[in-house]
Amino acid sequence: MGRMKELYCQLLEANDGQVPHEATIADLEKMNDLKIYEWREYERSQNNLKKPKNDGIEKNQTLDSHIEELARQSCEEFSYLENARCPNCFNTTLHGNIKEAVCEACAQEFIYVGPSLRFK
């Protein structure tokens, strides 16, 4: 008999003829490694494992990286540039962000070099 079939039979035998619906393949692999086939016993063993003390710090770091990503996206979004004329067609139809700009009238793209617009 194959290993997976043996594992399946042991799981059925330990859990009243059913494979637990909550079990993932990773759980089944850990259960097999620990030689614990009864689902409730496995859950208790997983709950008894100590959680790292810096769990809250990781969540805050994840939140900070998410906020930084949102800030980066908002900086990259184009908005109307008031009182800015296109160096190509001299219309006031420039849209841009802190790095680059595009003229809606002539479709010319520009980049910022210091305070000045340069052709891209």
PDB file of N, CA and C in Angstrom:
ATOM      1  N   MET A   1       0.850  -1.176   0.000  1.00  0.00           N
ATOM      2  CA  MET A   1       0.000   0.000   0.000  1.00  0.00           C
ATOM      3  C   MET A   1       0.896   1.240   0.000  1.00  0.00           C
ATOM      4  N   GLY A   2       0.478   2.288  -0.730  1.00  0.00           N
ATOM      5  CA  GLY A   2       1.249   3.520  -0.811  1.00  0.00           C
ATOM      6  C   GLY A   2       1.192   4.324   0.480  1.00  0.00           C
ATOM      7  N   ARG A   3       2.148   5.233   0.631  1.00  0.00           N
ATOM      8  CA  ARG A   3       2.219   6.039   1.848  1.00  0.00           C
ATOM      9  C   ARG A   3       0.996   6.931   2.028  1.00  0.00           C
ATOM     10  N   MET A   4       0.531   7.533   0.964  1.00  0.00           N
ATOM     11  CA  MET A   4      -0.639   8.409   1.072  1.00  0.00           C
ATOM     12  C   MET A   4      -1.877   7.623   1.470  1.00  0.00           C
ATOM     13  N   LYS A   5      -2.004   6.425   0.920  1.00  0.00           N
ATOM     14  CA  LYS A   5      -3.162   5.604   1.268  1.00  0.00           C
ATOM     15  C   LYS A   5      -3.079   5.164   2.726  1.00  0.00           C
ATOM     16  N   GLU A   6      -1.883   4.836   3.189  1.00  0.00           N
ATOM     17  CA  GLU A   6      -1.698   4.477   4.599  1.00  0.00           C
ATOM     18  C   GLU A   6      -2.060   5.651   5.496  1.00  0.00           C
ATOM     19  N   LEU A   7      -1.597   6.842   5.141  1.00  0.00           N
ATOM     20  CA  LEU A   7      -1.910   8.044   5.910  1.00  0.00           C
ATOM     21  C   LEU A   7      -3.420   8.277   5.927  1.00  0.00           C
ATOM     22  N   TYR A   8      -4.049   8.121   4.790  1.00  0.00           N
ATOM     23  CA  TYR A   8      -5.495   8.307   4.686  1.00  0.00           C
ATOM     24  C   TYR A   8      -6.231   7.309   5.581  1.00  0.00           C
ATOM     25  N   CYS A   9      -5.822   6.076   5.549  1.00  0.00           N
ATOM     26  CA  CYS A   9      -6.463   5.051   6.388  1.00  0.00           C
ATOM     27  C   CYS A   9      -6.257   5.345   7.868  1.00  0.00           C
ATOM     28  N   GLN A  10      -5.072   5.794   8.257  1.00  0.00           N
ATOM     29  CA  GLN A  10      -4.817   6.127   9.655  1.00  0.00           C
ATOM     30  C   GLN A  10      -5.659   7.325  10.095  1.00  0.00           C
ATOM     31  N   LEU A  11      -5.807   8.325   9.209  1.00  0.00           N
ATOM     32  CA  LEU A  11      -6.645   9.490   9.523  1.00  0.00           C
ATOM     33  C   LEU A  11      -8.104   9.079   9.701  1.00  0.00           C
ATOM     34  N   LEU A  12      -8.594   8.225   8.807  1.00  0.00           N
ATOM     35  CA  LEU A  12      -9.983   7.756   8.922  1.00  0.00           C
ATOM     36  C   LEU A  12     -10.191   6.987  10.220  1.00  0.00           C
ATOM     37  N   GLU A  13      -9.249   6.139  10.548  1.00  0.00           N
ATOM     38  CA  GLU A  13      -9.352   5.315  11.744  1.00  0.00           C
ATOM     39  C   GLU A  13      -9.346   6.171  13.013  1.00  0.00           C
ATOM     40  N   ALA A  14      -8.510   7.213  13.051  1.00  0.00           N
ATOM     41  CA  ALA A  14      -8.377   8.043  14.254  1.00  0.00           C
ATOM     42  C   ALA A  14      -9.496   9.072  14.394  1.00  0.00           C
ATOM     43  N   ASN A  15     -10.181   9.405  13.298  1.00  0.00           N
ATOM     44  CA  ASN A  15     -11.176  10.477  13.325  1.00  0.00           C
ATOM     45  C   ASN A  15     -12.582   9.980  13.013  1.00  0.00           C
ATOM     46  N   ASP A  16     -12.923   8.835  13.483  1.00  0.00           N
ATOM     47  CA  ASP A  16     -14.270   8.273  13.336  1.00  0.00           C
ATOM     48  C   ASP A  16     -14.721   8.163  11.884  1.00  0.00           C
ATOM     49  N   GLY A  17     -13.825   7.764  11.026  1.00  0.00           N
ATOM     50  CA  GLY A  17     -14.172   7.490   9.639  1.00  0.00           C
ATOM     51  C   GLY A  17     -14.254   8.707   8.732  1.00  0.00           C
ATOM     52  N   GLN A  18     -13.803   9.873   9.193  1.00  0.00           N
ATOM     53  CA  GLN A  18     -13.854  11.080   8.362  1.00  0.00           C
ATOM     54  C   GLN A  18     -12.529  11.823   8.424  1.00  0.00           C
ATOM     55  N   VAL A  19     -12.159  12.422   7.321  1.00  0.00           N
ATOM     56  CA  VAL A  19     -11.000  13.304   7.301  1.00  0.00           C
ATOM     57  C   VAL A  19     -11.506  14.689   7.714  1.00  0.00           C
ATOM     58  N   PRO A  20     -10.870  15.360   8.666  1.00  0.00           N
ATOM     59  CA  PRO A  20     -11.336  16.679   9.117  1.00  0.00           C
ATOM     60  C   PRO A  20     -11.375  17.687   7.969  1.00  0.00           C
ATOM     61  N   HIS A  21     -12.455  18.454   7.893  1.00  0.00           N
ATOM     62  CA  HIS A  21     -12.612  19.440   6.812  1.00  0.00           C
ATOM     63  C   HIS A  21     -11.641  20.599   6.952  1.00  0.00           C
ATOM     64  N   GLU A  22     -11.231  20.914   8.197  1.00  0.00           N
ATOM     65  CA  GLU A  22     -10.329  22.046   8.424  1.00  0.00           C
ATOM     66  C   GLU A  22      -8.890  21.728   8.062  1.00  0.00           C
ATOM     67  N   ALA A  23      -8.579  20.470   7.915  1.00  0.00           N
ATOM     68  CA  ALA A  23      -7.194  20.053   7.696  1.00  0.00           C
ATOM     69  C   ALA A  23      -6.713  20.466   6.312  1.00  0.00           C
ATOM     70  N   THR A  24      -5.525  21.047   6.294  1.00  0.00           N
ATOM     71  CA  THR A  24      -4.875  21.367   5.025  1.00  0.00           C
ATOM     72  C   THR A  24      -3.814  20.307   4.755  1.00  0.00           C
ATOM     73  N   ILE A  25      -3.234  20.345   3.577  1.00  0.00           N
ATOM     74  CA  ILE A  25      -2.189  19.386   3.246  1.00  0.00           C
ATOM     75  C   ILE A  25      -0.989  19.595   4.161  1.00  0.00           C
ATOM     76  N   ALA A  26      -0.690  20.862   4.499  1.00  0.00           N
ATOM     77  CA  ALA A  26       0.412  21.142   5.424  1.00  0.00           C
ATOM     78  C   ALA A  26       0.121  20.531   6.794  1.00  0.00           C
ATOM     79  N   ASP A  27      -1.140  20.631   7.245  1.00  0.00           N
ATOM     80  CA  ASP A  27      -1.512  20.006   8.514  1.00  0.00           C
ATOM     81  C   ASP A  27      -1.325  18.500   8.451  1.00  0.00           C
ATOM     82  N   LEU A  28      -1.761  17.898   7.374  1.00  0.00           N
ATOM     83  CA  LEU A  28      -1.636  16.442   7.242  1.00  0.00           C
ATOM     84  C   LEU A  28      -0.172  16.020   7.230  1.00  0.00           C
ATOM     85  N   GLU A  29       0.684  16.835   6.602  1.00  0.00           N
ATOM     86  CA  GLU A  29       2.111  16.534   6.584  1.00  0.00           C
ATOM     87  C   GLU A  29       2.697  16.613   7.997  1.00  0.00           C
ATOM     88  N   LYS A  30       2.310  17.668   8.759  1.00  0.00           N
ATOM     89  CA  LYS A  30       2.792  17.792  10.139  1.00  0.00           C
ATOM     90  C   LYS A  30       2.272  16.650  10.997  1.00  0.00           C
ATOM     91  N   MET A  31       1.004  16.290  10.795  1.00  0.00           N
ATOM     92  CA  MET A  31       0.420  15.185  11.563  1.00  0.00           C
ATOM     93  C   MET A  31       1.202  13.904  11.320  1.00  0.00           C
ATOM     94  N   ASN A  32       1.565  13.673  10.077  1.00  0.00           N
ATOM     95  CA  ASN A  32       2.321  12.476   9.734  1.00  0.00           C
ATOM     96  C   ASN A  32       3.711  12.515  10.352  1.00  0.00           C
ATOM     97  N   ASP A  33       4.359  13.697  10.336  1.00  0.00           N
ATOM     98  CA  ASP A  33       5.683  13.828  10.937  1.00  0.00           C
ATOM     99  C   ASP A  33       5.640  13.602  12.437  1.00  0.00           C
ATOM    100  N   LEU A  34       4.580  14.142  13.075  1.00  0.00           N
ATOM    101  CA  LEU A  34       4.451  13.998  14.528  1.00  0.00           C
ATOM    102  C   LEU A  34       3.855  12.654  14.945  1.00  0.00           C
ATOM    103  N   LYS A  35       3.386  11.911  13.971  1.00  0.00           N
ATOM    104  CA  LYS A  35       2.698  10.633  14.221  1.00  0.00           C
ATOM    105  C   LYS A  35       1.464  10.839  15.101  1.00  0.00           C
ATOM    106  N   ILE A  36       0.776  11.958  14.882  1.00  0.00           N
ATOM    107  CA  ILE A  36      -0.488  12.258  15.558  1.00  0.00           C
ATOM    108  C   ILE A  36      -1.548  12.260  14.468  1.00  0.00           C
ATOM    109  N   TYR A  37      -2.500  11.335  14.545  1.00  0.00           N
ATOM    110  CA  TYR A  37      -3.490  11.215  13.482  1.00  0.00           C
ATOM    111  C   TYR A  37      -4.879  11.670  13.902  1.00  0.00           C
ATOM    112  N   GLU A  38      -5.093  11.899  15.188  1.00  0.00           N
ATOM    113  CA  GLU A  38      -6.392  12.357  15.670  1.00  0.00           C
ATOM    114  C   GLU A  38      -6.389  13.882  15.625  1.00  0.00           C
ATOM    115  N   TRP A  39      -7.381  14.474  14.946  1.00  0.00           N
ATOM    116  CA  TRP A  39      -7.400  15.902  14.660  1.00  0.00           C
ATOM    117  C   TRP A  39      -7.407  16.766  15.916  1.00  0.00           C
ATOM    118  N   ARG A  40      -8.242  16.460  16.882  1.00  0.00           N
ATOM    119  CA  ARG A  40      -8.315  17.277  18.105  1.00  0.00           C
ATOM    120  C   ARG A  40      -6.988  17.260  18.869  1.00  0.00           C
ATOM    121  N   GLU A  41      -6.357  16.115  18.923  1.00  0.00           N
ATOM    122  CA  GLU A  41      -5.057  16.013  19.597  1.00  0.00           C
ATOM    123  C   GLU A  41      -4.016  16.856  18.865  1.00  0.00           C
ATOM    124  N   TYR A  42      -4.060  16.817  17.530  1.00  0.00           N
ATOM    125  CA  TYR A  42      -3.135  17.622  16.730  1.00  0.00           C
ATOM    126  C   TYR A  42      -3.367  19.114  16.978  1.00  0.00           C
ATOM    127  N   GLU A  43      -4.642  19.554  17.018  1.00  0.00           N
ATOM    128  CA  GLU A  43      -4.946  20.972  17.282  1.00  0.00           C
ATOM    129  C   GLU A  43      -4.423  21.395  18.649  1.00  0.00           C
ATOM    130  N   ARG A  44      -4.611  20.547  19.657  1.00  0.00           N
ATOM    131  CA  ARG A  44      -4.102  20.865  20.995  1.00  0.00           C
ATOM    132  C   ARG A  44      -2.586  21.004  20.973  1.00  0.00           C
ATOM    133  N   SER A  45      -1.916  20.120  20.252  1.00  0.00           N
ATOM    134  CA  SER A  45      -0.455  20.197  20.205  1.00  0.00           C
ATOM    135  C   SER A  45       0.003  21.476  19.501  1.00  0.00           C
ATOM    136  N   GLN A  46      -0.742  21.914  18.499  1.00  0.00           N
ATOM    137  CA  GLN A  46      -0.387  23.146  17.786  1.00  0.00           C
ATOM    138  C   GLN A  46      -0.675  24.378  18.638  1.00  0.00           C
ATOM    139  N   ASN A  47      -1.741  24.346  19.437  1.00  0.00           N
ATOM    140  CA  ASN A  47      -2.064  25.463  20.319  1.00  0.00           C
ATOM    141  C   ASN A  47      -1.075  25.584  21.464  1.00  0.00           C
ATOM    142  N   ASN A  48      -0.456  24.491  21.851  1.00  0.00           N
ATOM    143  CA  ASN A  48       0.508  24.511  22.952  1.00  0.00           C
ATOM    144  C   ASN A  48       1.866  25.055  22.539  1.00  0.00           C
ATOM    145  N   LEU A  49       2.105  25.141  21.229  1.00  0.00           N
ATOM    146  CA  LEU A  49       3.373  25.692  20.774  1.00  0.00           C
ATOM    147  C   LEU A  49       3.431  27.169  21.131  1.00  0.00           C
ATOM    148  N   LYS A  50       4.582  27.622  21.571  1.00  0.00           N
ATOM    149  CA  LYS A  50       4.724  29.028  21.967  1.00  0.00           C
ATOM    150  C   LYS A  50       4.790  29.899  20.729  1.00  0.00           C
ATOM    151  N   LYS A  51       4.084  31.028  20.806  1.00  0.00           N
ATOM    152  CA  LYS A  51       4.129  32.003  19.729  1.00  0.00           C
ATOM    153  C   LYS A  51       5.312  32.924  19.963  1.00  0.00           C
ATOM    154  N   PRO A  52       5.943  33.411  18.915  1.00  0.00           N
ATOM    155  CA  PRO A  52       7.063  34.330  19.100  1.00  0.00           C
ATOM    156  C   PRO A  52       6.606  35.636  19.758  1.00  0.00           C
ATOM    157  N   LYS A  53       7.478  36.216  20.575  1.00  0.00           N
ATOM    158  CA  LYS A  53       7.142  37.445  21.290  1.00  0.00           C
ATOM    159  C   LYS A  53       7.019  38.636  20.367  1.00  0.00           C
ATOM    160  N   ASN A  54       7.682  38.624  19.224  1.00  0.00           N
ATOM    161  CA  ASN A  54       7.657  39.768  18.321  1.00  0.00           C
ATOM    162  C   ASN A  54       6.523  39.683  17.308  1.00  0.00           C
ATOM    163  N   ASP A  55       5.489  38.916  17.610  1.00  0.00           N
ATOM    164  CA  ASP A  55       4.358  38.761  16.696  1.00  0.00           C
ATOM    165  C   ASP A  55       3.717  40.110  16.398  1.00  0.00           C
ATOM    166  N   GLY A  56       3.539  40.951  17.416  1.00  0.00           N
ATOM    167  CA  GLY A  56       2.948  42.270  17.211  1.00  0.00           C
ATOM    168  C   GLY A  56       3.831  43.163  16.371  1.00  0.00           C
ATOM    169  N   ILE A  57       5.149  43.029  16.529  1.00  0.00           N
ATOM    170  CA  ILE A  57       6.075  43.849  15.755  1.00  0.00           C
ATOM    171  C   ILE A  57       5.968  43.502  14.278  1.00  0.00           C
ATOM    172  N   GLU A  58       5.856  42.218  13.967  1.00  0.00           N
ATOM    173  CA  GLU A  58       5.734  41.816  12.564  1.00  0.00           C
ATOM    174  C   GLU A  58       4.463  42.377  11.955  1.00  0.00           C
ATOM    175  N   LYS A  59       3.364  42.385  12.722  1.00  0.00           N
ATOM    176  CA  LYS A  59       2.124  42.947  12.202  1.00  0.00           C
ATOM    177  C   LYS A  59       2.292  44.432  11.951  1.00  0.00           C
ATOM    178  N   ASN A  60       2.972  45.151  12.869  1.00  0.00           N
ATOM    179  CA  ASN A  60       3.201  46.583  12.684  1.00  0.00           C
ATOM    180  C   ASN A  60       4.096  46.832  11.488  1.00  0.00           C
ATOM    181  N   GLN A  61       5.115  45.983  11.291  1.00  0.00           N
ATOM    182  CA  GLN A  61       5.977  46.144  10.134  1.00  0.00           C
ATOM    183  C   GLN A  61       5.190  45.911   8.854  1.00  0.00           C
ATOM    184  N   THR A  62       4.290  44.946   8.870  1.00  0.00           N
ATOM    185  CA  THR A  62       3.456  44.694   7.705  1.00  0.00           C
ATOM    186  C   THR A  62       2.554  45.888   7.445  1.00  0.00           C
ATOM    187  N   LEU A  63       1.981  46.458   8.502  1.00  0.00           N
ATOM    188  CA  LEU A  63       1.130  47.630   8.363  1.00  0.00           C
ATOM    189  C   LEU A  63       1.928  48.811   7.836  1.00  0.00           C
ATOM    190  N   ASP A  64       3.152  49.006   8.364  1.00  0.00           N
ATOM    191  CA  ASP A  64       3.995  50.104   7.899  1.00  0.00           C
ATOM    192  C   ASP A  64       4.346  49.939   6.425  1.00  0.00           C
ATOM    193  N   SER A  65       4.672  48.722   6.013  1.00  0.00           N
ATOM    194  CA  SER A  65       5.003  48.506   4.601  1.00  0.00           C
ATOM    195  C   SER A  65       3.778  48.731   3.721  1.00  0.00           C
ATOM    196  N   HIS A  66       2.594  48.384   4.240  1.00  0.00           N
ATOM    197  CA  HIS A  66       1.364  48.627   3.483  1.00  0.00           C
ATOM    198  C   HIS A  66       1.115  50.129   3.336  1.00  0.00           C
ATOM    199  N   ILE A  67       1.325  50.884   4.403  1.00  0.00           N
ATOM    200  CA  ILE A  67       1.147  52.339   4.355  1.00  0.00           C
ATOM    201  C   ILE A  67       2.151  52.964   3.397  1.00  0.00           C
ATOM    202  N   GLU A  68       3.406  52.490   3.441  1.00  0.00           N
ATOM    203  CA  GLU A  68       4.412  53.004   2.520  1.00  0.00           C
ATOM    204  C   GLU A  68       4.033  52.710   1.074  1.00  0.00           C
ATOM    205  N   GLU A  69       3.479  51.537   0.825  1.00  0.00           N
ATOM    206  CA  GLU A  69       3.050  51.176  -0.533  1.00  0.00           C
ATOM    207  C   GLU A  69       1.930  52.100  -0.999  1.00  0.00           C
ATOM    208  N   LEU A  70       0.969  52.374  -0.113  1.00  0.00           N
ATOM    209  CA  LEU A  70      -0.119  53.282  -0.478  1.00  0.00           C
ATOM    210  C   LEU A  70       0.403  54.689  -0.743  1.00  0.00           C
ATOM    211  N   ALA A  71       1.358  55.144   0.077  1.00  0.00           N
ATOM    212  CA  ALA A  71       1.948  56.466  -0.126  1.00  0.00           C
ATOM    213  C   ALA A  71       2.686  56.523  -1.455  1.00  0.00           C
ATOM    214  N   ARG A  72       3.416  55.466  -1.776  1.00  0.00           N
ATOM    215  CA  ARG A  72       4.139  55.421  -3.044  1.00  0.00           C
ATOM    216  C   ARG A  72       3.178  55.468  -4.220  1.00  0.00           C
ATOM    217  N   GLN A  73       2.078  54.724  -4.115  1.00  0.00           N
ATOM    218  CA  GLN A  73       1.092  54.720  -5.186  1.00  0.00           C
ATOM    219  C   GLN A  73       0.465  56.094  -5.357  1.00  0.00           C
ATOM    220  N   SER A  74       0.170  56.764  -4.242  1.00  0.00           N
ATOM    221  CA  SER A  74      -0.461  58.073  -4.353  1.00  0.00           C
ATOM    222  C   SER A  74       0.508  59.090  -4.939  1.00  0.00           C
ATOM    223  N   CYS A  75       1.812  58.932  -4.673  1.00  0.00           N
ATOM    224  CA  CYS A  75       2.801  59.828  -5.267  1.00  0.00           C
ATOM    225  C   CYS A  75       2.934  59.578  -6.760  1.00  0.00           C
ATOM    226  N   GLU A  76       2.694  58.350  -7.180  1.00  0.00           N
ATOM    227  CA  GLU A  76       2.834  58.024  -8.588  1.00  0.00           C
ATOM    228  C   GLU A  76       1.592  58.364  -9.398  1.00  0.00           C
ATOM    229  N   GLU A  77       0.458  58.608  -8.747  1.00  0.00           N
ATOM    230  CA  GLU A  77      -0.751  58.959  -9.474  1.00  0.00           C
ATOM    231  C   GLU A  77      -0.600  60.347 -10.076  1.00  0.00           C
ATOM    232  N   PHE A  78      -1.119  60.501 -11.253  1.00  0.00           N
ATOM    233  CA  PHE A  78      -1.029  61.772 -11.937  1.00  0.00           C
ATOM    234  C   PHE A  78      -2.177  62.674 -11.514  1.00  0.00           C
ATOM    235  N   SER A  79      -1.864  63.949 -11.299  1.00  0.00           N
ATOM    236  CA  SER A  79      -2.880  64.941 -10.979  1.00  0.00           C
ATOM    237  C   SER A  79      -2.633  66.173 -11.843  1.00  0.00           C
ATOM    238  N   TYR A  80      -3.641  67.013 -11.928  1.00  0.00           N
ATOM    239  CA  TYR A  80      -3.546  68.224 -12.735  1.00  0.00           C
ATOM    240  C   TYR A  80      -2.518  69.165 -12.117  1.00  0.00           C
ATOM    241  N   LEU A  81      -1.609  69.678 -12.940  1.00  0.00           N
ATOM    242  CA  LEU A  81      -0.579  70.612 -12.480  1.00  0.00           C
ATOM    243  C   LEU A  81      -1.028  72.026 -12.794  1.00  0.00           C
ATOM    244  N   GLU A  82      -1.421  72.749 -11.785  1.00  0.00           N
ATOM    245  CA  GLU A  82      -1.915  74.114 -11.971  1.00  0.00           C
ATOM    246  C   GLU A  82      -0.771  75.056 -12.329  1.00  0.00           C
ATOM    247  N   ASN A  83      -1.063  76.011 -13.190  1.00  0.00           N
ATOM    248  CA  ASN A  83      -0.108  77.047 -13.611  1.00  0.00           C
ATOM    249  C   ASN A  83       1.162  76.482 -14.226  1.00  0.00           C
ATOM    250  N   ALA A  84       1.100  75.294 -14.784  1.00  0.00           N
ATOM    251  CA  ALA A  84       2.253  74.693 -15.453  1.00  0.00           C
ATOM    252  C   ALA A  84       1.939  74.591 -16.940  1.00  0.00           C
ATOM    253  N   ARG A  85       2.845  75.118 -17.731  1.00  0.00           N
ATOM    254  CA  ARG A  85       2.662  75.073 -19.181  1.00  0.00           C
ATOM    255  C   ARG A  85       3.539  73.987 -19.780  1.00  0.00           C
ATOM    256  N   CYS A  86       3.011  73.366 -20.809  1.00  0.00           N
ATOM    257  CA  CYS A  86       3.761  72.347 -21.537  1.00  0.00           C
ATOM    258  C   CYS A  86       4.890  73.032 -22.305  1.00  0.00           C
ATOM    259  N   PRO A  87       6.145  72.574 -22.144  1.00  0.00           N
ATOM    260  CA  PRO A  87       7.250  73.171 -22.890  1.00  0.00           C
ATOM    261  C   PRO A  87       7.171  72.920 -24.400  1.00  0.00           C
ATOM    262  N   ASN A  88       6.345  71.985 -24.803  1.00  0.00           N
ATOM    263  CA  ASN A  88       6.234  71.637 -26.211  1.00  0.00           C
ATOM    264  C   ASN A  88       5.173  72.466 -26.927  1.00  0.00           C
ATOM    265  N   CYS A  89       3.943  72.544 -26.356  1.00  0.00           N
ATOM    266  CA  CYS A  89       2.837  73.232 -27.038  1.00  0.00           C
ATOM    267  C   CYS A  89       2.326  74.453 -26.279  1.00  0.00           C
ATOM    268  N   PHE A  90       2.845  74.725 -25.109  1.00  0.00           N
ATOM    269  CA  PHE A  90       2.523  75.873 -24.269  1.00  0.00           C
ATOM    270  C   PHE A  90       1.084  75.888 -23.761  1.00  0.00           C
ATOM    271  N   ASN A  91       0.403  74.728 -23.773  1.00  0.00           N
ATOM    272  CA  ASN A  91      -0.936  74.630 -23.184  1.00  0.00           C
ATOM    273  C   ASN A  91      -0.803  74.343 -21.683  1.00  0.00           C
ATOM    274  N   THR A  92      -1.862  74.624 -20.948  1.00  0.00           N
ATOM    275  CA  THR A  92      -1.869  74.343 -19.501  1.00  0.00           C
ATOM    276  C   THR A  92      -2.582  73.024 -19.228  1.00  0.00           C
ATOM    277  N   THR A  93      -2.240  72.002 -19.965  1.00  0.00           N
ATOM    278  CA  THR A  93      -2.907  70.698 -19.837  1.00  0.00           C
ATOM    279  C   THR A  93      -1.961  69.627 -19.311  1.00  0.00           C
ATOM    280  N   LEU A  94      -1.056  70.018 -18.425  1.00  0.00           N
ATOM    281  CA  LEU A  94      -0.108  69.054 -17.866  1.00  0.00           C
ATOM    282  C   LEU A  94      -0.712  68.303 -16.681  1.00  0.00           C
ATOM    283  N   HIS A  95      -0.488  66.992 -16.685  1.00  0.00           N
ATOM    284  CA  HIS A  95      -0.837  66.136 -15.561  1.00  0.00           C
ATOM    285  C   HIS A  95       0.434  65.402 -15.174  1.00  0.00           C
ATOM    286  N   GLY A  96       0.658  65.240 -13.873  1.00  0.00           N
ATOM    287  CA  GLY A  96       1.876  64.561 -13.478  1.00  0.00           C
ATOM    288  C   GLY A  96       1.935  64.262 -12.001  1.00  0.00           C
ATOM    289  N   ASN A  97       3.071  63.728 -11.593  1.00  0.00           N
ATOM    290  CA  ASN A  97       3.359  63.456 -10.185  1.00  0.00           C
ATOM    291  C   ASN A  97       4.702  64.085  -9.863  1.00  0.00           C
ATOM    292  N   ILE A  98       5.347  63.636  -8.802  1.00  0.00           N
ATOM    293  CA  ILE A  98       6.601  64.259  -8.399  1.00  0.00           C
ATOM    294  C   ILE A  98       7.783  63.867  -9.295  1.00  0.00           C
ATOM    295  N   LYS A  99       7.615  62.859 -10.146  1.00  0.00           N
ATOM    296  CA  LYS A  99       8.713  62.384 -10.982  1.00  0.00           C
ATOM    297  C   LYS A  99       8.565  62.741 -12.458  1.00  0.00           C
ATOM    298  N   GLU A 100       7.322  62.713 -12.957  1.00  0.00           N
ATOM    299  CA  GLU A 100       7.121  62.909 -14.394  1.00  0.00           C
ATOM    300  C   GLU A 100       5.788  63.584 -14.669  1.00  0.00           C
ATOM    301  N   ALA A 101       5.628  64.035 -15.932  1.00  0.00           N
ATOM    302  CA  ALA A 101       4.402  64.718 -16.340  1.00  0.00           C
ATOM    303  C   ALA A 101       4.097  64.354 -17.788  1.00  0.00           C
ATOM    304  N   VAL A 102       2.805  64.526 -18.160  1.00  0.00           N
ATOM    305  CA  VAL A 102       2.348  64.262 -19.525  1.00  0.00           C
ATOM    306  C   VAL A 102       1.404  65.392 -19.922  1.00  0.00           C
ATOM    307  N   CYS A 103       1.545  65.856 -21.135  1.00  0.00           N
ATOM    308  CA  CYS A 103       0.643  66.876 -21.661  1.00  0.00           C
ATOM    309  C   CYS A 103      -0.528  66.176 -22.345  1.00  0.00           C
ATOM    310  N   GLU A 104      -1.751  66.568 -21.986  1.00  0.00           N
ATOM    311  CA  GLU A 104      -2.923  65.966 -22.616  1.00  0.00           C
ATOM    312  C   GLU A 104      -3.118  66.454 -24.041  1.00  0.00           C
ATOM    313  N   ALA A 105      -2.684  67.668 -24.349  1.00  0.00           N
ATOM    314  CA  ALA A 105      -2.899  68.241 -25.677  1.00  0.00           C
ATOM    315  C   ALA A 105      -1.986  67.612 -26.727  1.00  0.00           C
ATOM    316  N   CYS A 106      -0.695  67.518 -26.426  1.00  0.00           N
ATOM    317  CA  CYS A 106       0.239  67.004 -27.431  1.00  0.00           C
ATOM    318  C   CYS A 106       0.791  65.621 -27.104  1.00  0.00           C
ATOM    319  N   ALA A 107       0.438  65.066 -25.954  1.00  0.00           N
ATOM    320  CA  ALA A 107       0.845  63.725 -25.515  1.00  0.00           C
ATOM    321  C   ALA A 107       2.349  63.585 -25.302  1.00  0.00           C
ATOM    322  N   GLN A 108       3.042  64.703 -25.147  1.00  0.00           N
ATOM    323  CA  GLN A 108       4.475  64.657 -24.878  1.00  0.00           C
ATOM    324  C   GLN A 108       4.701  64.290 -23.411  1.00  0.00           C
ATOM    325  N   GLU A 109       5.702  63.437 -23.162  1.00  0.00           N
ATOM    326  CA  GLU A 109       6.044  63.030 -21.803  1.00  0.00           C
ATOM    327  C   GLU A 109       7.288  63.780 -21.345  1.00  0.00           C
ATOM    328  N   PHE A 110       7.308  64.119 -20.063  1.00  0.00           N
ATOM    329  CA  PHE A 110       8.414  64.864 -19.479  1.00  0.00           C
ATOM    330  C   PHE A 110       8.838  64.222 -18.173  1.00  0.00           C
ATOM    331  N   ILE A 111      10.067  64.516 -17.765  1.00  0.00           N
ATOM    332  CA  ILE A 111      10.543  64.129 -16.440  1.00  0.00           C
ATOM    333  C   ILE A 111      11.020  65.396 -15.739  1.00  0.00           C
ATOM    334  N   TYR A 112      11.011  65.343 -14.417  1.00  0.00           N
ATOM    335  CA  TYR A 112      11.524  66.458 -13.631  1.00  0.00           C
ATOM    336  C   TYR A 112      13.015  66.257 -13.377  1.00  0.00           C
ATOM    337  N   VAL A 113      13.783  67.286 -13.653  1.00  0.00           N
ATOM    338  CA  VAL A 113      15.195  67.335 -13.299  1.00  0.00           C
ATOM    339  C   VAL A 113      15.325  68.565 -12.421  1.00  0.00           C
ATOM    340  N   GLY A 114      15.355  68.310 -11.112  1.00  0.00           N
ATOM    341  CA  GLY A 114      15.279  69.427 -10.170  1.00  0.00           C
ATOM    342  C   GLY A 114      13.897  70.047 -10.301  1.00  0.00           C
ATOM    343  N   PRO A 115      13.815  71.371 -10.403  1.00  0.00           N
ATOM    344  CA  PRO A 115      12.497  72.011 -10.559  1.00  0.00           C
ATOM    345  C   PRO A 115      12.044  72.108 -12.024  1.00  0.00           C
ATOM    346  N   SER A 116      12.891  71.691 -12.966  1.00  0.00           N
ATOM    347  CA  SER A 116      12.592  71.884 -14.387  1.00  0.00           C
ATOM    348  C   SER A 116      12.040  70.631 -15.029  1.00  0.00           C
ATOM    349  N   LEU A 117      11.179  70.849 -16.056  1.00  0.00           N
ATOM    350  CA  LEU A 117      10.667  69.751 -16.873  1.00  0.00           C
ATOM    351  C   LEU A 117      11.593  69.536 -18.054  1.00  0.00           C
ATOM    352  N   ARG A 118      11.919  68.288 -18.339  1.00  0.00           N
ATOM    353  CA  ARG A 118      12.745  67.935 -19.493  1.00  0.00           C
ATOM    354  C   ARG A 118      12.005  66.894 -20.320  1.00  0.00           C
ATOM    355  N   PHE A 119      12.224  66.918 -21.633  1.00  0.00           N
ATOM    356  CA  PHE A 119      11.606  65.949 -22.511  1.00  0.00           C
ATOM    357  C   PHE A 119      12.091  64.542 -22.131  1.00  0.00           C
ATOM    358  N   LYS A 120      11.179  63.600 -22.197  1.00  0.00           N
ATOM    359  CA  LYS A 120      11.525  62.219 -21.868  1.00  0.00           C
ATOM    360  C   LYS A 120      12.059  61.492 -23.081  1.00  0.00           C
TER     361      LYS A 120
END
